[in-house]
Amino acid sequence: MIDISWSGNQIYLIILGDFFYTTLKALLNHPHSRWFSKHIKIDADEFLHPHQKLHCHFN
């Protein structure tokens, strides 16, 4: 389950479960996800544990 909440041009994702965390991490690191990684920035220091809130920035 991924809980998403908006705050202006920022988005907060709460990822519950290792599967979604691994999937998102793989998506961000995938070479074809340049658009995704270009428009969505996740603070690296917050990208540590699957059961936490991720802070993303939209360009």
PDB file of N, CA and C in Angstrom:
ATOM      1  N   MET A   1       0.846  -1.193   0.000  1.00  0.00           N
ATOM      2  CA  MET A   1       0.000   0.000   0.000  1.00  0.00           C
ATOM      3  C   MET A   1       0.878   1.238   0.000  1.00  0.00           C
ATOM      4  N   ILE A   2       0.489   2.184  -0.816  1.00  0.00           N
ATOM      5  CA  ILE A   2       1.206   3.455  -0.869  1.00  0.00           C
ATOM      6  C   ILE A   2       0.225   4.580  -0.573  1.00  0.00           C
ATOM      7  N   ASP A   3       0.460   5.293   0.501  1.00  0.00           N
ATOM      8  CA  ASP A   3      -0.396   6.415   0.873  1.00  0.00           C
ATOM      9  C   ASP A   3       0.250   7.700   0.380  1.00  0.00           C
ATOM     10  N   ILE A   4      -0.494   8.450  -0.396  1.00  0.00           N
ATOM     11  CA  ILE A   4       0.047   9.670  -0.991  1.00  0.00           C
ATOM     12  C   ILE A   4      -0.738  10.883  -0.507  1.00  0.00           C
ATOM     13  N   SER A   5      -0.036  11.890  -0.060  1.00  0.00           N
ATOM     14  CA  SER A   5      -0.676  13.135   0.340  1.00  0.00           C
ATOM     15  C   SER A   5       0.070  14.298  -0.312  1.00  0.00           C
ATOM     16  N   TRP A   6      -0.696  15.299  -0.735  1.00  0.00           N
ATOM     17  CA  TRP A   6      -0.129  16.430  -1.448  1.00  0.00           C
ATOM     18  C   TRP A   6       0.032  17.634  -0.527  1.00  0.00           C
ATOM     19  N   SER A   7       1.057  18.436  -0.835  1.00  0.00           N
ATOM     20  CA  SER A   7       1.270  19.682  -0.117  1.00  0.00           C
ATOM     21  C   SER A   7       1.924  20.666  -1.083  1.00  0.00           C
ATOM     22  N   GLY A   8       1.098  21.419  -1.787  1.00  0.00           N
ATOM     23  CA  GLY A   8       1.628  22.335  -2.790  1.00  0.00           C
ATOM     24  C   GLY A   8       2.222  21.561  -3.946  1.00  0.00           C
ATOM     25  N   ASN A   9       3.493  21.840  -4.254  1.00  0.00           N
ATOM     26  CA  ASN A   9       4.159  21.102  -5.320  1.00  0.00           C
ATOM     27  C   ASN A   9       4.985  19.951  -4.765  1.00  0.00           C
ATOM     28  N   GLN A  10       4.738  19.624  -3.498  1.00  0.00           N
ATOM     29  CA  GLN A  10       5.454  18.535  -2.870  1.00  0.00           C
ATOM     30  C   GLN A  10       4.487  17.394  -2.607  1.00  0.00           C
ATOM     31  N   ILE A  11       5.023  16.207  -2.570  1.00  0.00           N
ATOM     32  CA  ILE A  11       4.193  15.027  -2.356  1.00  0.00           C
ATOM     33  C   ILE A  11       4.838  14.169  -1.271  1.00  0.00           C
ATOM     34  N   TYR A  12       3.991  13.570  -0.483  1.00  0.00           N
ATOM     35  CA  TYR A  12       4.474  12.693   0.566  1.00  0.00           C
ATOM     36  C   TYR A  12       3.954  11.287   0.305  1.00  0.00           C
ATOM     37  N   LEU A  13       4.852  10.332   0.252  1.00  0.00           N
ATOM     38  CA  LEU A  13       4.470   8.949   0.050  1.00  0.00           C
ATOM     39  C   LEU A  13       4.803   8.149   1.299  1.00  0.00           C
ATOM     40  N   ILE A  14       3.829   7.420   1.778  1.00  0.00           N
ATOM     41  CA  ILE A  14       4.076   6.509   2.881  1.00  0.00           C
ATOM     42  C   ILE A  14       4.009   5.097   2.314  1.00  0.00           C
ATOM     43  N   ILE A  15       5.125   4.437   2.281  1.00  0.00           N
ATOM     44  CA  ILE A  15       5.201   3.129   1.650  1.00  0.00           C
ATOM     45  C   ILE A  15       5.187   2.050   2.724  1.00  0.00           C
ATOM     46  N   LEU A  16       4.188   1.189   2.632  1.00  0.00           N
ATOM     47  CA  LEU A  16       4.047   0.114   3.598  1.00  0.00           C
ATOM     48  C   LEU A  16       4.377  -1.205   2.920  1.00  0.00           C
ATOM     49  N   GLY A  17       5.434  -1.832   3.349  1.00  0.00           N
ATOM     50  CA  GLY A  17       5.825  -3.115   2.774  1.00  0.00           C
ATOM     51  C   GLY A  17       7.097  -3.018   1.961  1.00  0.00           C
ATOM     52  N   ASP A  18       7.906  -4.043   2.064  1.00  0.00           N
ATOM     53  CA  ASP A  18       9.186  -4.048   1.370  1.00  0.00           C
ATOM     54  C   ASP A  18       9.016  -4.099  -0.140  1.00  0.00           C
ATOM     55  N   PHE A  19       7.916  -4.718  -0.617  1.00  0.00           N
ATOM     56  CA  PHE A  19       7.726  -4.875  -2.061  1.00  0.00           C
ATOM     57  C   PHE A  19       7.615  -3.522  -2.745  1.00  0.00           C
ATOM     58  N   PHE A  20       6.797  -2.635  -2.189  1.00  0.00           N
ATOM     59  CA  PHE A  20       6.597  -1.329  -2.806  1.00  0.00           C
ATOM     60  C   PHE A  20       7.851  -0.477  -2.691  1.00  0.00           C
ATOM     61  N   TYR A  21       8.549  -0.615  -1.574  1.00  0.00           N
ATOM     62  CA  TYR A  21       9.799   0.123  -1.387  1.00  0.00           C
ATOM     63  C   TYR A  21      10.827  -0.305  -2.430  1.00  0.00           C
ATOM     64  N   THR A  22      10.952  -1.628  -2.603  1.00  0.00           N
ATOM     65  CA  THR A  22      11.913  -2.153  -3.574  1.00  0.00           C
ATOM     66  C   THR A  22      11.530  -1.763  -4.989  1.00  0.00           C
ATOM     67  N   THR A  23      10.222  -1.800  -5.273  1.00  0.00           N
ATOM     68  CA  THR A  23       9.747  -1.446  -6.606  1.00  0.00           C
ATOM     69  C   THR A  23      10.027   0.015  -6.920  1.00  0.00           C
ATOM     70  N   LEU A  24       9.743   0.893  -5.966  1.00  0.00           N
ATOM     71  CA  LEU A  24       9.981   2.318  -6.180  1.00  0.00           C
ATOM     72  C   LEU A  24      11.467   2.600  -6.326  1.00  0.00           C
ATOM     73  N   LYS A  25      12.269   1.931  -5.508  1.00  0.00           N
ATOM     74  CA  LYS A  25      13.708   2.125  -5.575  1.00  0.00           C
ATOM     75  C   LYS A  25      14.252   1.664  -6.926  1.00  0.00           C
ATOM     76  N   ALA A  26      13.745   0.529  -7.411  1.00  0.00           N
ATOM     77  CA  ALA A  26      14.176   0.022  -8.712  1.00  0.00           C
ATOM     78  C   ALA A  26      13.722   0.951  -9.829  1.00  0.00           C
ATOM     79  N   LEU A  27      12.512   1.508  -9.679  1.00  0.00           N
ATOM     80  CA  LEU A  27      11.986   2.420 -10.687  1.00  0.00           C
ATOM     81  C   LEU A  27      12.831   3.680 -10.778  1.00  0.00           C
ATOM     82  N   LEU A  28      13.243   4.193  -9.639  1.00  0.00           N
ATOM     83  CA  LEU A  28      14.052   5.408  -9.634  1.00  0.00           C
ATOM     84  C   LEU A  28      15.438   5.157 -10.214  1.00  0.00           C
ATOM     85  N   ASN A  29      15.948   3.945 -10.043  1.00  0.00           N
ATOM     86  CA  ASN A  29      17.290   3.627 -10.513  1.00  0.00           C
ATOM     87  C   ASN A  29      17.304   3.085 -11.936  1.00  0.00           C
ATOM     88  N   HIS A  30      16.124   2.858 -12.507  1.00  0.00           N
ATOM     89  CA  HIS A  30      16.048   2.283 -13.847  1.00  0.00           C
ATOM     90  C   HIS A  30      16.445   3.327 -14.886  1.00  0.00           C
ATOM     91  N   PRO A  31      17.217   2.936 -15.894  1.00  0.00           N
ATOM     92  CA  PRO A  31      17.673   3.912 -16.903  1.00  0.00           C
ATOM     93  C   PRO A  31      16.541   4.541 -17.701  1.00  0.00           C
ATOM     94  N   HIS A  32      15.419   3.856 -17.816  1.00  0.00           N
ATOM     95  CA  HIS A  32      14.301   4.400 -18.577  1.00  0.00           C
ATOM     96  C   HIS A  32      13.404   5.295 -17.727  1.00  0.00           C
ATOM     97  N   SER A  33      13.771   5.502 -16.475  1.00  0.00           N
ATOM     98  CA  SER A  33      12.952   6.335 -15.603  1.00  0.00           C
ATOM     99  C   SER A  33      13.530   7.739 -15.499  1.00  0.00           C
ATOM    100  N   ARG A  34      14.136   8.202 -16.589  1.00  0.00           N
ATOM    101  CA  ARG A  34      14.746   9.534 -16.563  1.00  0.00           C
ATOM    102  C   ARG A  34      13.703  10.623 -16.354  1.00  0.00           C
ATOM    103  N   TRP A  35      12.535  10.465 -17.002  1.00  0.00           N
ATOM    104  CA  TRP A  35      11.488  11.462 -16.813  1.00  0.00           C
ATOM    105  C   TRP A  35      11.027  11.460 -15.371  1.00  0.00           C
ATOM    106  N   PHE A  36      10.858  10.261 -14.828  1.00  0.00           N
ATOM    107  CA  PHE A  36      10.391  10.133 -13.448  1.00  0.00           C
ATOM    108  C   PHE A  36      11.395  10.745 -12.485  1.00  0.00           C
ATOM    109  N   SER A  37      12.663  10.396 -12.657  1.00  0.00           N
ATOM    110  CA  SER A  37      13.688  10.909 -11.754  1.00  0.00           C
ATOM    111  C   SER A  37      13.964  12.389 -12.002  1.00  0.00           C
ATOM    112  N   LYS A  38      13.632  12.860 -13.216  1.00  0.00           N
ATOM    113  CA  LYS A  38      13.856  14.272 -13.527  1.00  0.00           C
ATOM    114  C   LYS A  38      12.792  15.155 -12.891  1.00  0.00           C
ATOM    115  N   HIS A  39      11.561  14.671 -12.838  1.00  0.00           N
ATOM    116  CA  HIS A  39      10.458  15.473 -12.341  1.00  0.00           C
ATOM    117  C   HIS A  39      10.119  15.188 -10.889  1.00  0.00           C
ATOM    118  N   ILE A  40      10.603  14.073 -10.382  1.00  0.00           N
ATOM    119  CA  ILE A  40      10.302  13.730  -8.996  1.00  0.00           C
ATOM    120  C   ILE A  40      11.606  13.506  -8.250  1.00  0.00           C
ATOM    121  N   LYS A  41      11.838  14.310  -7.246  1.00  0.00           N
ATOM    122  CA  LYS A  41      13.057  14.198  -6.458  1.00  0.00           C
ATOM    123  C   LYS A  41      12.704  13.694  -5.059  1.00  0.00           C
ATOM    124  N   ILE A  42      13.393  12.668  -4.647  1.00  0.00           N
ATOM    125  CA  ILE A  42      13.201  12.158  -3.296  1.00  0.00           C
ATOM    126  C   ILE A  42      14.460  12.459  -2.492  1.00  0.00           C
ATOM    127  N   ASP A  43      14.263  13.049  -1.335  1.00  0.00           N
ATOM    128  CA  ASP A  43      15.400  13.360  -0.482  1.00  0.00           C
ATOM    129  C   ASP A  43      16.124  12.070  -0.113  1.00  0.00           C
ATOM    130  N   ALA A  44      17.410  12.005  -0.463  1.00  0.00           N
ATOM    131  CA  ALA A  44      18.160  10.766  -0.294  1.00  0.00           C
ATOM    132  C   ALA A  44      18.253  10.352   1.173  1.00  0.00           C
ATOM    133  N   ASP A  45      18.402  11.326   2.058  1.00  0.00           N
ATOM    134  CA  ASP A  45      18.563  10.985   3.464  1.00  0.00           C
ATOM    135  C   ASP A  45      17.268  10.459   4.074  1.00  0.00           C
ATOM    136  N   GLU A  46      16.142  10.681   3.394  1.00  0.00           N
ATOM    137  CA  GLU A  46      14.881  10.165   3.906  1.00  0.00           C
ATOM    138  C   GLU A  46      14.534   8.826   3.265  1.00  0.00           C
ATOM    139  N   PHE A  47      15.298   8.447   2.234  1.00  0.00           N
ATOM    140  CA  PHE A  47      15.019   7.224   1.499  1.00  0.00           C
ATOM    141  C   PHE A  47      15.788   6.080   2.148  1.00  0.00           C
ATOM    142  N   LEU A  48      15.422   5.760   3.377  1.00  0.00           N
ATOM    143  CA  LEU A  48      16.203   4.803   4.146  1.00  0.00           C
ATOM    144  C   LEU A  48      15.437   3.543   4.485  1.00  0.00           C
ATOM    145  N   HIS A  49      14.184   3.688   4.843  1.00  0.00           N
ATOM    146  CA  HIS A  49      13.427   2.558   5.365  1.00  0.00           C
ATOM    147  C   HIS A  49      12.064   2.515   4.705  1.00  0.00           C
ATOM    148  N   PRO A  50      11.560   1.316   4.381  1.00  0.00           N
ATOM    149  CA  PRO A  50      10.286   1.221   3.666  1.00  0.00           C
ATOM    150  C   PRO A  50       9.083   1.701   4.465  1.00  0.00           C
ATOM    151  N   HIS A  51       9.164   1.635   5.788  1.00  0.00           N
ATOM    152  CA  HIS A  51       7.995   1.986   6.593  1.00  0.00           C
ATOM    153  C   HIS A  51       8.134   3.408   7.134  1.00  0.00           C
ATOM    154  N   GLN A  52       8.229   4.352   6.230  1.00  0.00           N
ATOM    155  CA  GLN A  52       8.361   5.736   6.652  1.00  0.00           C
ATOM    156  C   GLN A  52       7.826   6.649   5.567  1.00  0.00           C
ATOM    157  N   LYS A  53       7.776   7.906   5.866  1.00  0.00           N
ATOM    158  CA  LYS A  53       7.270   8.901   4.919  1.00  0.00           C
ATOM    159  C   LYS A  53       8.417   9.410   4.047  1.00  0.00           C
ATOM    160  N   LEU A  54       8.192   9.393   2.744  1.00  0.00           N
ATOM    161  CA  LEU A  54       9.192   9.891   1.814  1.00  0.00           C
ATOM    162  C   LEU A  54       8.800  11.287   1.354  1.00  0.00           C
ATOM    163  N   HIS A  55       9.762  12.160   1.301  1.00  0.00           N
ATOM    164  CA  HIS A  55       9.535  13.545   0.909  1.00  0.00           C
ATOM    165  C   HIS A  55       9.976  13.713  -0.541  1.00  0.00           C
ATOM    166  N   CYS A  56       9.026  13.983  -1.426  1.00  0.00           N
ATOM    167  CA  CYS A  56       9.332  14.112  -2.850  1.00  0.00           C
ATOM    168  C   CYS A  56       9.069  15.530  -3.323  1.00  0.00           C
ATOM    169  N   HIS A  57       9.854  15.986  -4.263  1.00  0.00           N
ATOM    170  CA  HIS A  57       9.688  17.307  -4.850  1.00  0.00           C
ATOM    171  C   HIS A  57       9.357  17.171  -6.327  1.00  0.00           C
ATOM    172  N   PHE A  58       8.352  17.911  -6.772  1.00  0.00           N
ATOM    173  CA  PHE A  58       7.977  17.899  -8.178  1.00  0.00           C
ATOM    174  C   PHE A  58       8.498  19.139  -8.876  1.00  0.00           C
ATOM    175  N   ASN A  59       9.079  18.941 -10.049  1.00  0.00           N
ATOM    176  CA  ASN A  59       9.548  20.072 -10.849  1.00  0.00           C
ATOM    177  C   ASN A  59       8.541  20.374 -11.940  1.00  0.00           C
TER     178      ASN A  59
END
